[in-house]
Amino acid sequence: MKKELKRVARREVGRRANFKKRNLGYFPLFSNPYPQYDVRSVDMHHINPLICIPLPHRTHMIVKGRNSRQHKAECERWIENIYCINVKELLDEKIKKIRGY
């Protein structure tokens, strides 16, 4: 029984490690406004494959699991409530400026 539990735990750890090895960049849109003494209380939420925004850990984990669309929508709602930033408009404006529209 113990061996089977260890095998299941190792498989879960491996699955989580592979998930975290995604090719996501790390370029914070702004510095972390939360206290620096407790790093675990802040998560960086990626709004695209390169740019991320700091969110409180509990807020970032409200929707977790395999439903990434729901997680992204919920985090965007919280980003708009906390920082007054509309992520979709922000990224759309950046793309327009880069393309020269």
N, C-alpha and C. Protein backbone atom coordinates (compact mmCIF):
# COMPACT_ATOMS: atom_id res chain seq x y z
N MET A 1 0.82 -1.20 0.00
CA MET A 1 0.00 0.00 0.00
C MET A 1 0.86 1.26 0.00
N LYS A 2 1.91 1.29 0.84
CA LYS A 2 2.77 2.47 0.90
C LYS A 2 3.49 2.70 -0.42
N LYS A 3 3.94 1.60 -1.06
CA LYS A 3 4.65 1.73 -2.33
C LYS A 3 3.75 2.33 -3.40
N GLU A 4 2.49 1.92 -3.41
CA GLU A 4 1.56 2.45 -4.41
C GLU A 4 1.30 3.93 -4.17
N LEU A 5 1.15 4.33 -2.91
CA LEU A 5 0.95 5.74 -2.60
C LEU A 5 2.15 6.57 -3.01
N LYS A 6 3.36 6.05 -2.78
CA LYS A 6 4.56 6.77 -3.18
C LYS A 6 4.62 6.91 -4.69
N ARG A 7 4.24 5.86 -5.42
CA ARG A 7 4.27 5.90 -6.88
C ARG A 7 3.28 6.94 -7.40
N VAL A 8 2.09 6.97 -6.82
CA VAL A 8 1.08 7.95 -7.21
C VAL A 8 1.56 9.36 -6.90
N ALA A 9 2.18 9.56 -5.74
CA ALA A 9 2.70 10.88 -5.37
C ALA A 9 3.80 11.32 -6.31
N ARG A 10 4.70 10.41 -6.69
CA ARG A 10 5.78 10.76 -7.63
C ARG A 10 5.22 11.14 -8.99
N ARG A 11 4.20 10.42 -9.43
CA ARG A 11 3.58 10.73 -10.72
C ARG A 11 2.95 12.12 -10.68
N GLU A 12 2.29 12.47 -9.59
CA GLU A 12 1.67 13.78 -9.44
C GLU A 12 2.72 14.89 -9.42
N VAL A 13 3.80 14.66 -8.70
CA VAL A 13 4.88 15.65 -8.64
C VAL A 13 5.48 15.85 -10.03
N GLY A 14 5.69 14.76 -10.77
CA GLY A 14 6.22 14.86 -12.13
C GLY A 14 5.29 15.61 -13.05
N ARG A 15 3.99 15.38 -12.92
CA ARG A 15 3.00 16.08 -13.75
C ARG A 15 3.03 17.58 -13.46
N ARG A 16 3.10 17.95 -12.20
CA ARG A 16 3.16 19.37 -11.84
C ARG A 16 4.45 20.02 -12.33
N ALA A 17 5.55 19.32 -12.22
CA ALA A 17 6.84 19.87 -12.67
C ALA A 17 6.82 20.09 -14.17
N ASN A 18 6.28 19.16 -14.93
CA ASN A 18 6.20 19.33 -16.38
C ASN A 18 5.30 20.49 -16.76
N PHE A 19 4.21 20.69 -16.01
CA PHE A 19 3.31 21.80 -16.28
C PHE A 19 4.02 23.13 -16.08
N LYS A 20 4.85 23.22 -15.05
CA LYS A 20 5.54 24.47 -14.75
C LYS A 20 6.70 24.75 -15.69
N LYS A 21 7.10 23.78 -16.50
CA LYS A 21 8.21 23.98 -17.43
C LYS A 21 7.75 24.56 -18.75
N ARG A 22 6.52 25.06 -18.81
CA ARG A 22 6.04 25.67 -20.05
C ARG A 22 6.96 26.82 -20.44
N ASN A 23 6.99 27.12 -21.70
CA ASN A 23 7.88 28.19 -22.18
C ASN A 23 7.21 29.55 -22.02
N LEU A 24 7.08 29.99 -20.79
CA LEU A 24 6.51 31.30 -20.52
C LEU A 24 7.63 32.24 -20.08
N GLY A 25 7.61 33.44 -20.63
CA GLY A 25 8.59 34.44 -20.23
C GLY A 25 8.22 35.04 -18.89
N TYR A 26 9.06 35.91 -18.41
CA TYR A 26 8.80 36.54 -17.12
C TYR A 26 9.18 38.01 -17.24
N PHE A 27 8.23 38.83 -17.65
CA PHE A 27 8.44 40.26 -17.75
C PHE A 27 7.28 40.94 -17.02
N PRO A 28 7.48 41.31 -15.74
CA PRO A 28 6.40 41.95 -14.98
C PRO A 28 6.00 43.29 -15.58
N LEU A 29 4.72 43.53 -15.72
CA LEU A 29 4.21 44.78 -16.26
C LEU A 29 4.54 45.94 -15.31
N PHE A 30 4.56 45.66 -14.01
CA PHE A 30 4.99 46.63 -12.99
C PHE A 30 5.50 45.85 -11.80
N SER A 31 6.19 46.52 -10.91
CA SER A 31 6.78 45.82 -9.76
C SER A 31 5.70 45.37 -8.77
N ASN A 32 6.07 44.46 -7.92
CA ASN A 32 5.15 43.89 -6.96
C ASN A 32 4.77 44.93 -5.90
N PRO A 33 3.48 45.30 -5.82
CA PRO A 33 3.06 46.31 -4.83
C PRO A 33 2.79 45.72 -3.45
N TYR A 34 2.87 44.42 -3.31
CA TYR A 34 2.57 43.76 -2.05
C TYR A 34 3.83 43.61 -1.21
N PRO A 35 3.68 43.36 0.09
CA PRO A 35 4.86 43.23 0.96
C PRO A 35 5.84 42.18 0.45
N GLN A 36 7.12 42.52 0.46
CA GLN A 36 8.16 41.65 -0.06
C GLN A 36 8.55 40.54 0.92
N TYR A 37 8.16 40.67 2.17
CA TYR A 37 8.62 39.70 3.17
C TYR A 37 7.96 38.33 3.01
N ASP A 38 6.79 38.25 2.40
CA ASP A 38 6.11 36.96 2.24
C ASP A 38 5.90 36.69 0.75
N VAL A 39 6.86 36.02 0.15
CA VAL A 39 6.83 35.75 -1.29
C VAL A 39 5.67 34.83 -1.64
N ARG A 40 5.29 33.94 -0.74
CA ARG A 40 4.22 32.98 -1.02
C ARG A 40 2.86 33.64 -1.16
N SER A 41 2.70 34.85 -0.66
CA SER A 41 1.39 35.48 -0.71
C SER A 41 1.10 36.12 -2.06
N VAL A 42 2.09 36.14 -2.98
CA VAL A 42 1.92 36.77 -4.29
C VAL A 42 2.26 35.78 -5.39
N ASP A 43 1.37 35.70 -6.40
CA ASP A 43 1.62 34.90 -7.60
C ASP A 43 1.70 35.85 -8.79
N MET A 44 2.47 35.47 -9.78
CA MET A 44 2.53 36.25 -11.01
C MET A 44 1.61 35.58 -12.03
N HIS A 45 0.61 36.31 -12.49
CA HIS A 45 -0.34 35.78 -13.47
C HIS A 45 0.07 36.24 -14.86
N HIS A 46 0.25 35.30 -15.77
CA HIS A 46 0.63 35.65 -17.14
C HIS A 46 -0.60 36.11 -17.92
N ILE A 47 -0.52 37.32 -18.48
CA ILE A 47 -1.62 37.81 -19.31
C ILE A 47 -1.37 37.48 -20.77
N ASN A 48 -0.15 37.10 -21.10
CA ASN A 48 0.21 36.53 -22.39
C ASN A 48 1.47 35.71 -22.15
N PRO A 49 2.05 35.07 -23.16
CA PRO A 49 3.22 34.21 -22.88
C PRO A 49 4.45 34.93 -22.34
N LEU A 50 4.47 36.24 -22.35
CA LEU A 50 5.65 36.98 -21.88
C LEU A 50 5.36 37.84 -20.65
N ILE A 51 4.28 38.57 -20.66
CA ILE A 51 4.00 39.58 -19.63
C ILE A 51 3.19 38.98 -18.48
N CYS A 52 3.56 39.35 -17.24
CA CYS A 52 2.83 38.87 -16.07
C CYS A 52 2.52 40.03 -15.12
N ILE A 53 1.51 39.82 -14.30
CA ILE A 53 1.03 40.83 -13.34
C ILE A 53 0.94 40.16 -11.96
N PRO A 54 1.42 40.82 -10.90
CA PRO A 54 1.30 40.23 -9.56
C PRO A 54 -0.15 40.23 -9.07
N LEU A 55 -0.56 39.10 -8.53
CA LEU A 55 -1.88 38.96 -7.91
C LEU A 55 -1.72 38.27 -6.56
N PRO A 56 -2.54 38.61 -5.58
CA PRO A 56 -2.50 37.86 -4.32
C PRO A 56 -2.75 36.38 -4.59
N HIS A 57 -2.05 35.53 -3.86
CA HIS A 57 -2.11 34.08 -4.10
C HIS A 57 -3.54 33.55 -4.04
N ARG A 58 -4.28 33.91 -3.02
CA ARG A 58 -5.64 33.40 -2.87
C ARG A 58 -6.54 33.86 -4.01
N THR A 59 -6.34 35.07 -4.48
CA THR A 59 -7.10 35.58 -5.61
C THR A 59 -6.74 34.82 -6.87
N HIS A 60 -5.46 34.59 -7.09
CA HIS A 60 -5.00 33.88 -8.28
C HIS A 60 -5.49 32.44 -8.31
N MET A 61 -5.68 31.84 -7.15
CA MET A 61 -6.08 30.43 -7.09
C MET A 61 -7.58 30.22 -6.90
N ILE A 62 -8.39 31.27 -7.08
CA ILE A 62 -9.84 31.10 -6.94
C ILE A 62 -10.35 30.06 -7.93
N VAL A 63 -9.90 30.17 -9.17
CA VAL A 63 -10.25 29.18 -10.19
C VAL A 63 -8.96 28.48 -10.57
N LYS A 64 -8.84 27.23 -10.18
CA LYS A 64 -7.64 26.48 -10.52
C LYS A 64 -8.05 25.15 -11.13
N GLY A 65 -7.11 24.48 -11.68
CA GLY A 65 -7.40 23.21 -12.32
C GLY A 65 -7.17 23.29 -13.82
N ARG A 66 -7.87 22.49 -14.55
CA ARG A 66 -7.63 22.37 -15.98
C ARG A 66 -8.46 23.34 -16.82
N ASN A 67 -9.34 24.12 -16.22
CA ASN A 67 -10.17 25.04 -16.97
C ASN A 67 -9.44 26.38 -17.10
N SER A 68 -8.52 26.48 -18.06
CA SER A 68 -7.68 27.67 -18.17
C SER A 68 -8.46 28.89 -18.66
N ARG A 69 -9.49 28.69 -19.45
CA ARG A 69 -10.28 29.84 -19.93
C ARG A 69 -11.00 30.52 -18.77
N GLN A 70 -11.57 29.71 -17.90
CA GLN A 70 -12.28 30.27 -16.74
C GLN A 70 -11.28 30.93 -15.80
N HIS A 71 -10.10 30.32 -15.61
CA HIS A 71 -9.06 30.90 -14.76
C HIS A 71 -8.62 32.26 -15.32
N LYS A 72 -8.38 32.31 -16.62
CA LYS A 72 -7.94 33.56 -17.25
C LYS A 72 -9.01 34.65 -17.13
N ALA A 73 -10.27 34.30 -17.37
CA ALA A 73 -11.35 35.28 -17.27
C ALA A 73 -11.49 35.81 -15.85
N GLU A 74 -11.41 34.92 -14.87
CA GLU A 74 -11.54 35.33 -13.47
C GLU A 74 -10.38 36.23 -13.05
N CYS A 75 -9.16 35.87 -13.46
CA CYS A 75 -7.99 36.69 -13.12
C CYS A 75 -8.06 38.06 -13.80
N GLU A 76 -8.53 38.10 -15.05
CA GLU A 76 -8.68 39.39 -15.73
C GLU A 76 -9.70 40.27 -15.00
N ARG A 77 -10.77 39.66 -14.50
CA ARG A 77 -11.77 40.42 -13.73
C ARG A 77 -11.14 41.00 -12.46
N TRP A 78 -10.33 40.17 -11.76
CA TRP A 78 -9.69 40.65 -10.55
C TRP A 78 -8.64 41.73 -10.86
N ILE A 79 -7.91 41.58 -11.95
CA ILE A 79 -6.92 42.60 -12.33
C ILE A 79 -7.62 43.92 -12.59
N GLU A 80 -8.77 43.87 -13.25
CA GLU A 80 -9.51 45.10 -13.51
C GLU A 80 -10.03 45.71 -12.21
N ASN A 81 -10.48 44.88 -11.27
CA ASN A 81 -10.99 45.39 -9.98
C ASN A 81 -9.87 45.96 -9.11
N ILE A 82 -8.72 45.28 -9.06
CA ILE A 82 -7.65 45.69 -8.17
C ILE A 82 -6.84 46.85 -8.74
N TYR A 83 -6.43 46.72 -10.01
CA TYR A 83 -5.51 47.70 -10.60
C TYR A 83 -6.16 48.67 -11.59
N CYS A 84 -7.44 48.48 -11.89
CA CYS A 84 -8.15 49.29 -12.89
C CYS A 84 -7.46 49.21 -14.26
N ILE A 85 -7.05 48.01 -14.62
CA ILE A 85 -6.41 47.77 -15.92
C ILE A 85 -7.27 46.78 -16.68
N ASN A 86 -7.70 47.16 -17.88
CA ASN A 86 -8.42 46.24 -18.75
C ASN A 86 -7.37 45.56 -19.62
N VAL A 87 -7.10 44.30 -19.35
CA VAL A 87 -6.01 43.57 -20.00
C VAL A 87 -6.21 43.48 -21.50
N LYS A 88 -7.44 43.22 -21.93
CA LYS A 88 -7.71 43.09 -23.37
C LYS A 88 -7.42 44.39 -24.10
N GLU A 89 -7.88 45.52 -23.55
CA GLU A 89 -7.61 46.81 -24.18
C GLU A 89 -6.13 47.15 -24.14
N LEU A 90 -5.47 46.84 -23.05
CA LEU A 90 -4.05 47.13 -22.91
C LEU A 90 -3.25 46.38 -23.98
N LEU A 91 -3.49 45.10 -24.13
CA LEU A 91 -2.77 44.32 -25.13
C LEU A 91 -3.14 44.74 -26.54
N ASP A 92 -4.41 45.08 -26.76
CA ASP A 92 -4.85 45.51 -28.08
C ASP A 92 -4.16 46.81 -28.48
N GLU A 93 -4.05 47.77 -27.53
CA GLU A 93 -3.38 49.04 -27.81
C GLU A 93 -1.90 48.83 -28.11
N LYS A 94 -1.25 47.95 -27.35
CA LYS A 94 0.16 47.68 -27.58
C LYS A 94 0.38 47.11 -28.98
N ILE A 95 -0.49 46.19 -29.38
CA ILE A 95 -0.35 45.57 -30.71
C ILE A 95 -0.56 46.62 -31.79
N LYS A 96 -1.55 47.51 -31.60
CA LYS A 96 -1.79 48.55 -32.60
C LYS A 96 -0.60 49.48 -32.74
N LYS A 97 0.03 49.84 -31.61
CA LYS A 97 1.20 50.72 -31.66
C LYS A 97 2.38 50.03 -32.35
N ILE A 98 2.56 48.75 -32.09
CA ILE A 98 3.66 48.02 -32.70
C ILE A 98 3.45 47.90 -34.20
N ARG A 99 2.24 47.62 -34.63
CA ARG A 99 1.96 47.45 -36.04
C ARG A 99 1.82 48.78 -36.77
N GLY A 100 1.65 49.86 -36.05
CA GLY A 100 1.56 51.19 -36.66
C GLY A 100 0.18 51.57 -37.15
N TYR A 101 -0.88 51.03 -36.53
CA TYR A 101 -2.25 51.38 -36.91
C TYR A 101 -2.63 52.72 -36.34
